Amino acid sequence: MKSASIDSSSLYKGQTISAELAWEHYVNRKPDKLQSWIDELGDEESAKLAKLPYVLLQVRDWLERDRREKELPPLVMNTVGGVINVLTDENASAYLNDQAFQGLRRHQRATNRLMGAVDENRLTGAAKREHQNRINVHSFIAASAQGAQRQLRLLKRAGKKPPQLEG
């Protein structure tokens, strides 16, 4: 059994956690899972090659959860480049901004698919009403996001500051 571990309390912004350390942290917590992967894939190296992306995400999630449970300040982490990156404030701001806009784009695409990909003629009466309710809710959310983005553009053009979020 390996002895590597990651202490969530000692993480700091700008830190990089290697794939090897994340792997060892995972197998320390889930040795039975490692054994099932070895049984399935033949050896630890093959298991590591196949399962490392999953392991990085899982370890990142554990670290975030452990920090929440210890009531430590949150850190923003991603798993780009085959490692866990604890982002600096500057990188975290850009990363979370991109994530938020990606979420808006995904919502818009899903809303459009909700309207176009479902044949209402094949739905029962109750299912048709529920489907129409879903369309109404998501159309309203999408229109709100689009309206807010338009207002921000207008404020920027006028040289005014956008409203501040509370919290």
C-alpha atoms as a PDB file:
ATOM      1  CA  MET A   1       0.000   0.000   0.000  1.00  0.00           C
ATOM      2  CA  LYS A   2       1.310   3.428  -0.918  1.00  0.00           C
ATOM      3  CA  SER A   3       1.344   6.211   1.632  1.00  0.00           C
ATOM      4  CA  ALA A   4       0.928   9.404  -0.429  1.00  0.00           C
ATOM      5  CA  SER A   5      -1.882  11.675   0.623  1.00  0.00           C
ATOM      6  CA  ILE A   6      -3.057  15.195  -0.111  1.00  0.00           C
ATOM      7  CA  ASP A   7      -3.998  17.468   2.782  1.00  0.00           C
ATOM      8  CA  SER A   8      -6.898  19.656   1.649  1.00  0.00           C
ATOM      9  CA  SER A   9      -6.134  22.213   4.388  1.00  0.00           C
ATOM     10  CA  SER A  10      -2.665  22.944   3.055  1.00  0.00           C
ATOM     11  CA  LEU A  11      -3.655  23.587  -0.554  1.00  0.00           C
ATOM     12  CA  TYR A  12      -2.727  26.998  -1.917  1.00  0.00           C
ATOM     13  CA  LYS A  13      -3.521  29.043  -5.009  1.00  0.00           C
ATOM     14  CA  GLY A  14      -1.114  28.359  -7.849  1.00  0.00           C
ATOM     15  CA  GLN A  15      -0.343  24.812  -6.663  1.00  0.00           C
ATOM     16  CA  THR A  16      -0.204  21.880  -9.067  1.00  0.00           C
ATOM     17  CA  ILE A  17      -0.958  18.370  -7.849  1.00  0.00           C
ATOM     18  CA  SER A  18       0.739  15.775 -10.011  1.00  0.00           C
ATOM     19  CA  ALA A  19      -1.117  12.895 -11.605  1.00  0.00           C
ATOM     20  CA  GLU A  20       1.041  10.482  -9.609  1.00  0.00           C
ATOM     21  CA  LEU A  21       0.161  12.065  -6.267  1.00  0.00           C
ATOM     22  CA  ALA A  22      -3.545  12.224  -7.176  1.00  0.00           C
ATOM     23  CA  TRP A  23      -3.438   8.552  -8.248  1.00  0.00           C
ATOM     24  CA  GLU A  24      -1.801   7.473  -4.998  1.00  0.00           C
ATOM     25  CA  HIS A  25      -4.274   9.538  -2.972  1.00  0.00           C
ATOM     26  CA  TYR A  26      -7.145   7.827  -4.791  1.00  0.00           C
ATOM     27  CA  VAL A  27      -5.851   4.273  -4.412  1.00  0.00           C
ATOM     28  CA  ASN A  28      -5.198   4.875  -0.711  1.00  0.00           C
ATOM     29  CA  ARG A  29      -8.867   5.751  -0.273  1.00  0.00           C
ATOM     30  CA  LYS A  30     -10.244   3.144  -2.687  1.00  0.00           C
ATOM     31  CA  PRO A  31      -7.901   0.121  -2.795  1.00  0.00           C
ATOM     32  CA  ASP A  32     -10.792  -2.173  -3.734  1.00  0.00           C
ATOM     33  CA  LYS A  33     -11.490  -0.026  -6.799  1.00  0.00           C
ATOM     34  CA  LEU A  34      -7.851  -0.272  -7.868  1.00  0.00           C
ATOM     35  CA  GLN A  35      -8.022  -4.044  -7.557  1.00  0.00           C
ATOM     36  CA  SER A  36     -11.175  -4.210  -9.684  1.00  0.00           C
ATOM     37  CA  TRP A  37      -9.467  -2.058 -12.343  1.00  0.00           C
ATOM     38  CA  ILE A  38      -6.387  -4.307 -12.288  1.00  0.00           C
ATOM     39  CA  ASP A  39      -8.638  -7.364 -12.653  1.00  0.00           C
ATOM     40  CA  GLU A  40     -10.401  -5.689 -15.570  1.00  0.00           C
ATOM     41  CA  LEU A  41      -7.377  -4.157 -17.340  1.00  0.00           C
ATOM     42  CA  GLY A  42      -4.468  -6.416 -16.411  1.00  0.00           C
ATOM     43  CA  ASP A  43      -2.095  -4.235 -14.378  1.00  0.00           C
ATOM     44  CA  GLU A  44      -1.858  -0.951 -12.501  1.00  0.00           C
ATOM     45  CA  GLU A  45      -0.200   0.933 -15.371  1.00  0.00           C
ATOM     46  CA  SER A  46      -3.032  -0.006 -17.753  1.00  0.00           C
ATOM     47  CA  ALA A  47      -5.579   0.922 -15.096  1.00  0.00           C
ATOM     48  CA  LYS A  48      -3.849   4.247 -14.535  1.00  0.00           C
ATOM     49  CA  LEU A  49      -3.781   5.018 -18.241  1.00  0.00           C
ATOM     50  CA  ALA A  50      -7.490   4.237 -18.607  1.00  0.00           C
ATOM     51  CA  LYS A  51      -8.804   5.702 -15.354  1.00  0.00           C
ATOM     52  CA  LEU A  52      -6.594   8.741 -14.651  1.00  0.00           C
ATOM     53  CA  PRO A  53      -9.047  11.368 -15.987  1.00  0.00           C
ATOM     54  CA  TYR A  54     -11.755   9.955 -13.701  1.00  0.00           C
ATOM     55  CA  VAL A  55      -9.332   9.807 -10.755  1.00  0.00           C
ATOM     56  CA  LEU A  56      -8.289  13.441 -11.209  1.00  0.00           C
ATOM     57  CA  LEU A  57     -11.918  14.586 -11.187  1.00  0.00           C
ATOM     58  CA  GLN A  58     -12.756  12.425  -8.182  1.00  0.00           C
ATOM     59  CA  VAL A  59      -9.772  13.614  -6.146  1.00  0.00           C
ATOM     60  CA  ARG A  60     -10.559  17.237  -7.044  1.00  0.00           C
ATOM     61  CA  ASP A  61     -14.142  16.727  -5.859  1.00  0.00           C
ATOM     62  CA  TRP A  62     -12.946  15.108  -2.617  1.00  0.00           C
ATOM     63  CA  LEU A  63     -10.570  17.995  -1.935  1.00  0.00           C
ATOM     64  CA  GLU A  64     -13.300  20.574  -2.560  1.00  0.00           C
ATOM     65  CA  ARG A  65     -15.716  18.673  -0.307  1.00  0.00           C
ATOM     66  CA  ASP A  66     -13.120  18.256   2.435  1.00  0.00           C
ATOM     67  CA  ARG A  67     -12.432  22.010   2.383  1.00  0.00           C
ATOM     68  CA  ARG A  68     -16.174  22.772   2.632  1.00  0.00           C
ATOM     69  CA  GLU A  69     -16.542  20.372   5.571  1.00  0.00           C
ATOM     70  CA  LYS A  70     -13.590  22.022   7.340  1.00  0.00           C
ATOM     71  CA  GLU A  71     -15.148  25.424   6.553  1.00  0.00           C
ATOM     72  CA  LEU A  72     -11.994  26.539   4.748  1.00  0.00           C
ATOM     73  CA  PRO A  73     -12.127  29.185   2.013  1.00  0.00           C
ATOM     74  CA  PRO A  74     -13.048  27.643  -1.335  1.00  0.00           C
ATOM     75  CA  LEU A  75     -10.423  27.142  -4.009  1.00  0.00           C
ATOM     76  CA  VAL A  76     -11.061  26.819  -7.728  1.00  0.00           C
ATOM     77  CA  MET A  77      -9.460  23.730  -9.257  1.00  0.00           C
ATOM     78  CA  ASN A  78      -9.423  22.205 -12.709  1.00  0.00           C
ATOM     79  CA  THR A  79      -7.851  19.109 -14.214  1.00  0.00           C
ATOM     80  CA  VAL A  80      -6.287  20.521 -17.370  1.00  0.00           C
ATOM     81  CA  GLY A  81      -3.013  18.992 -18.540  1.00  0.00           C
ATOM     82  CA  GLY A  82      -3.302  15.688 -16.683  1.00  0.00           C
ATOM     83  CA  VAL A  83      -2.826  17.314 -13.265  1.00  0.00           C
ATOM     84  CA  ILE A  84      -4.994  19.089 -10.700  1.00  0.00           C
ATOM     85  CA  ASN A  85      -4.423  22.830 -10.868  1.00  0.00           C
ATOM     86  CA  VAL A  86      -5.366  25.028  -7.916  1.00  0.00           C
ATOM     87  CA  LEU A  87      -6.033  28.245  -9.803  1.00  0.00           C
ATOM     88  CA  THR A  88      -4.743  31.661  -8.818  1.00  0.00           C
ATOM     89  CA  ASP A  89      -7.397  34.340  -8.340  1.00  0.00           C
ATOM     90  CA  GLU A  90      -6.695  35.792 -11.791  1.00  0.00           C
ATOM     91  CA  ASN A  91      -6.944  32.387 -13.489  1.00  0.00           C
ATOM     92  CA  ALA A  92      -9.971  31.413 -11.388  1.00  0.00           C
ATOM     93  CA  SER A  93     -11.822  34.560 -12.431  1.00  0.00           C
ATOM     94  CA  ALA A  94     -11.256  33.898 -16.134  1.00  0.00           C
ATOM     95  CA  TYR A  95     -12.002  30.167 -15.764  1.00  0.00           C
ATOM     96  CA  LEU A  96     -15.262  30.698 -13.852  1.00  0.00           C
ATOM     97  CA  ASN A  97     -16.344  33.404 -16.303  1.00  0.00           C
ATOM     98  CA  ASP A  98     -15.840  30.960 -19.174  1.00  0.00           C
ATOM     99  CA  GLN A  99     -17.700  28.247 -17.256  1.00  0.00           C
ATOM    100  CA  ALA A 100     -20.646  30.574 -16.594  1.00  0.00           C
ATOM    101  CA  PHE A 101     -20.930  31.563 -20.256  1.00  0.00           C
ATOM    102  CA  GLN A 102     -20.566  27.931 -21.292  1.00  0.00           C
ATOM    103  CA  GLY A 103     -23.503  27.144 -19.003  1.00  0.00           C
ATOM    104  CA  LEU A 104     -25.590  29.872 -20.650  1.00  0.00           C
ATOM    105  CA  ARG A 105     -24.722  28.559 -24.118  1.00  0.00           C
ATOM    106  CA  ARG A 106     -25.569  24.991 -23.085  1.00  0.00           C
ATOM    107  CA  HIS A 107     -28.879  26.171 -21.657  1.00  0.00           C
ATOM    108  CA  GLN A 108     -29.709  28.026 -24.871  1.00  0.00           C
ATOM    109  CA  ARG A 109     -28.877  24.981 -27.018  1.00  0.00           C
ATOM    110  CA  ALA A 110     -30.900  22.651 -24.775  1.00  0.00           C
ATOM    111  CA  THR A 111     -33.858  25.064 -24.816  1.00  0.00           C
ATOM    112  CA  ASN A 112     -33.750  25.191 -28.615  1.00  0.00           C
ATOM    113  CA  ARG A 113     -33.609  21.393 -28.750  1.00  0.00           C
ATOM    114  CA  LEU A 114     -36.508  21.175 -26.296  1.00  0.00           C
ATOM    115  CA  MET A 115     -38.589  23.173 -28.772  1.00  0.00           C
ATOM    116  CA  GLY A 116     -37.350  21.537 -31.958  1.00  0.00           C
ATOM    117  CA  ALA A 117     -36.446  17.937 -31.198  1.00  0.00           C
ATOM    118  CA  VAL A 118     -39.627  16.843 -29.407  1.00  0.00           C
ATOM    119  CA  ASP A 119     -42.657  16.058 -31.535  1.00  0.00           C
ATOM    120  CA  GLU A 120     -45.585  17.329 -29.467  1.00  0.00           C
ATOM    121  CA  ASN A 121     -48.003  15.334 -31.632  1.00  0.00           C
ATOM    122  CA  ARG A 122     -46.588  12.143 -30.149  1.00  0.00           C
ATOM    123  CA  LEU A 123     -47.165  13.212 -26.542  1.00  0.00           C
ATOM    124  CA  THR A 124     -50.203  12.402 -24.446  1.00  0.00           C
ATOM    125  CA  GLY A 125     -52.311  15.282 -23.128  1.00  0.00           C
ATOM    126  CA  ALA A 126     -50.603  15.439 -19.735  1.00  0.00           C
ATOM    127  CA  ALA A 127     -47.126  14.988 -21.227  1.00  0.00           C
ATOM    128  CA  LYS A 128     -47.893  17.688 -23.807  1.00  0.00           C
ATOM    129  CA  ARG A 129     -48.887  20.164 -21.073  1.00  0.00           C
ATOM    130  CA  GLU A 130     -45.760  19.307 -19.066  1.00  0.00           C
ATOM    131  CA  HIS A 131     -43.599  19.716 -22.179  1.00  0.00           C
ATOM    132  CA  GLN A 132     -45.174  23.110 -22.893  1.00  0.00           C
ATOM    133  CA  ASN A 133     -44.534  24.156 -19.275  1.00  0.00           C
ATOM    134  CA  ARG A 134     -40.878  23.188 -19.667  1.00  0.00           C
ATOM    135  CA  ILE A 135     -40.616  25.205 -22.871  1.00  0.00           C
ATOM    136  CA  ASN A 136     -42.187  28.226 -21.153  1.00  0.00           C
ATOM    137  CA  VAL A 137     -39.856  28.041 -18.150  1.00  0.00           C
ATOM    138  CA  HIS A 138     -36.681  27.621 -20.178  1.00  0.00           C
ATOM    139  CA  SER A 139     -37.675  30.202 -22.773  1.00  0.00           C
ATOM    140  CA  PHE A 140     -38.207  32.696 -19.955  1.00  0.00           C
ATOM    141  CA  ILE A 141     -34.793  31.875 -18.442  1.00  0.00           C
ATOM    142  CA  ALA A 142     -33.075  32.157 -21.842  1.00  0.00           C
ATOM    143  CA  ALA A 143     -34.813  35.451 -22.630  1.00  0.00           C
ATOM    144  CA  SER A 144     -33.774  36.820 -19.216  1.00  0.00           C
ATOM    145  CA  ALA A 145     -30.132  35.914 -19.813  1.00  0.00           C
ATOM    146  CA  GLN A 146     -30.195  37.418 -23.305  1.00  0.00           C
ATOM    147  CA  GLY A 147     -31.858  40.588 -22.024  1.00  0.00           C
ATOM    148  CA  ALA A 148     -29.302  40.942 -19.241  1.00  0.00           C
ATOM    149  CA  GLN A 149     -26.418  40.508 -21.688  1.00  0.00           C
ATOM    150  CA  ARG A 150     -27.950  43.145 -23.982  1.00  0.00           C
ATOM    151  CA  GLN A 151     -28.341  45.577 -21.072  1.00  0.00           C
ATOM    152  CA  LEU A 152     -24.700  45.023 -20.070  1.00  0.00           C
ATOM    153  CA  ARG A 153     -23.564  45.848 -23.605  1.00  0.00           C
ATOM    154  CA  LEU A 154     -25.668  49.037 -23.554  1.00  0.00           C
ATOM    155  CA  LEU A 155     -24.250  50.067 -20.157  1.00  0.00           C
ATOM    156  CA  LYS A 156     -20.685  49.475 -21.383  1.00  0.00           C
ATOM    157  CA  ARG A 157     -21.317  51.588 -24.493  1.00  0.00           C
ATOM    158  CA  ALA A 158     -22.671  54.369 -22.286  1.00  0.00           C
ATOM    159  CA  GLY A 159     -19.583  54.122 -20.051  1.00  0.00           C
ATOM    160  CA  LYS A 160     -21.623  53.063 -17.020  1.00  0.00           C
ATOM    161  CA  LYS A 161     -20.872  50.325 -14.536  1.00  0.00           C
ATOM    162  CA  PRO A 162     -23.002  47.181 -14.355  1.00  0.00           C
ATOM    163  CA  PRO A 163     -24.933  46.474 -11.154  1.00  0.00           C
ATOM    164  CA  GLN A 164     -22.995  44.624  -8.465  1.00  0.00           C
ATOM    165  CA  LEU A 165     -24.020  41.211  -7.196  1.00  0.00           C
ATOM    166  CA  GLU A 166     -24.689  40.987  -3.499  1.00  0.00           C
ATOM    167  CA  GLY A 167     -22.865  38.402  -1.457  1.00  0.00           C
END
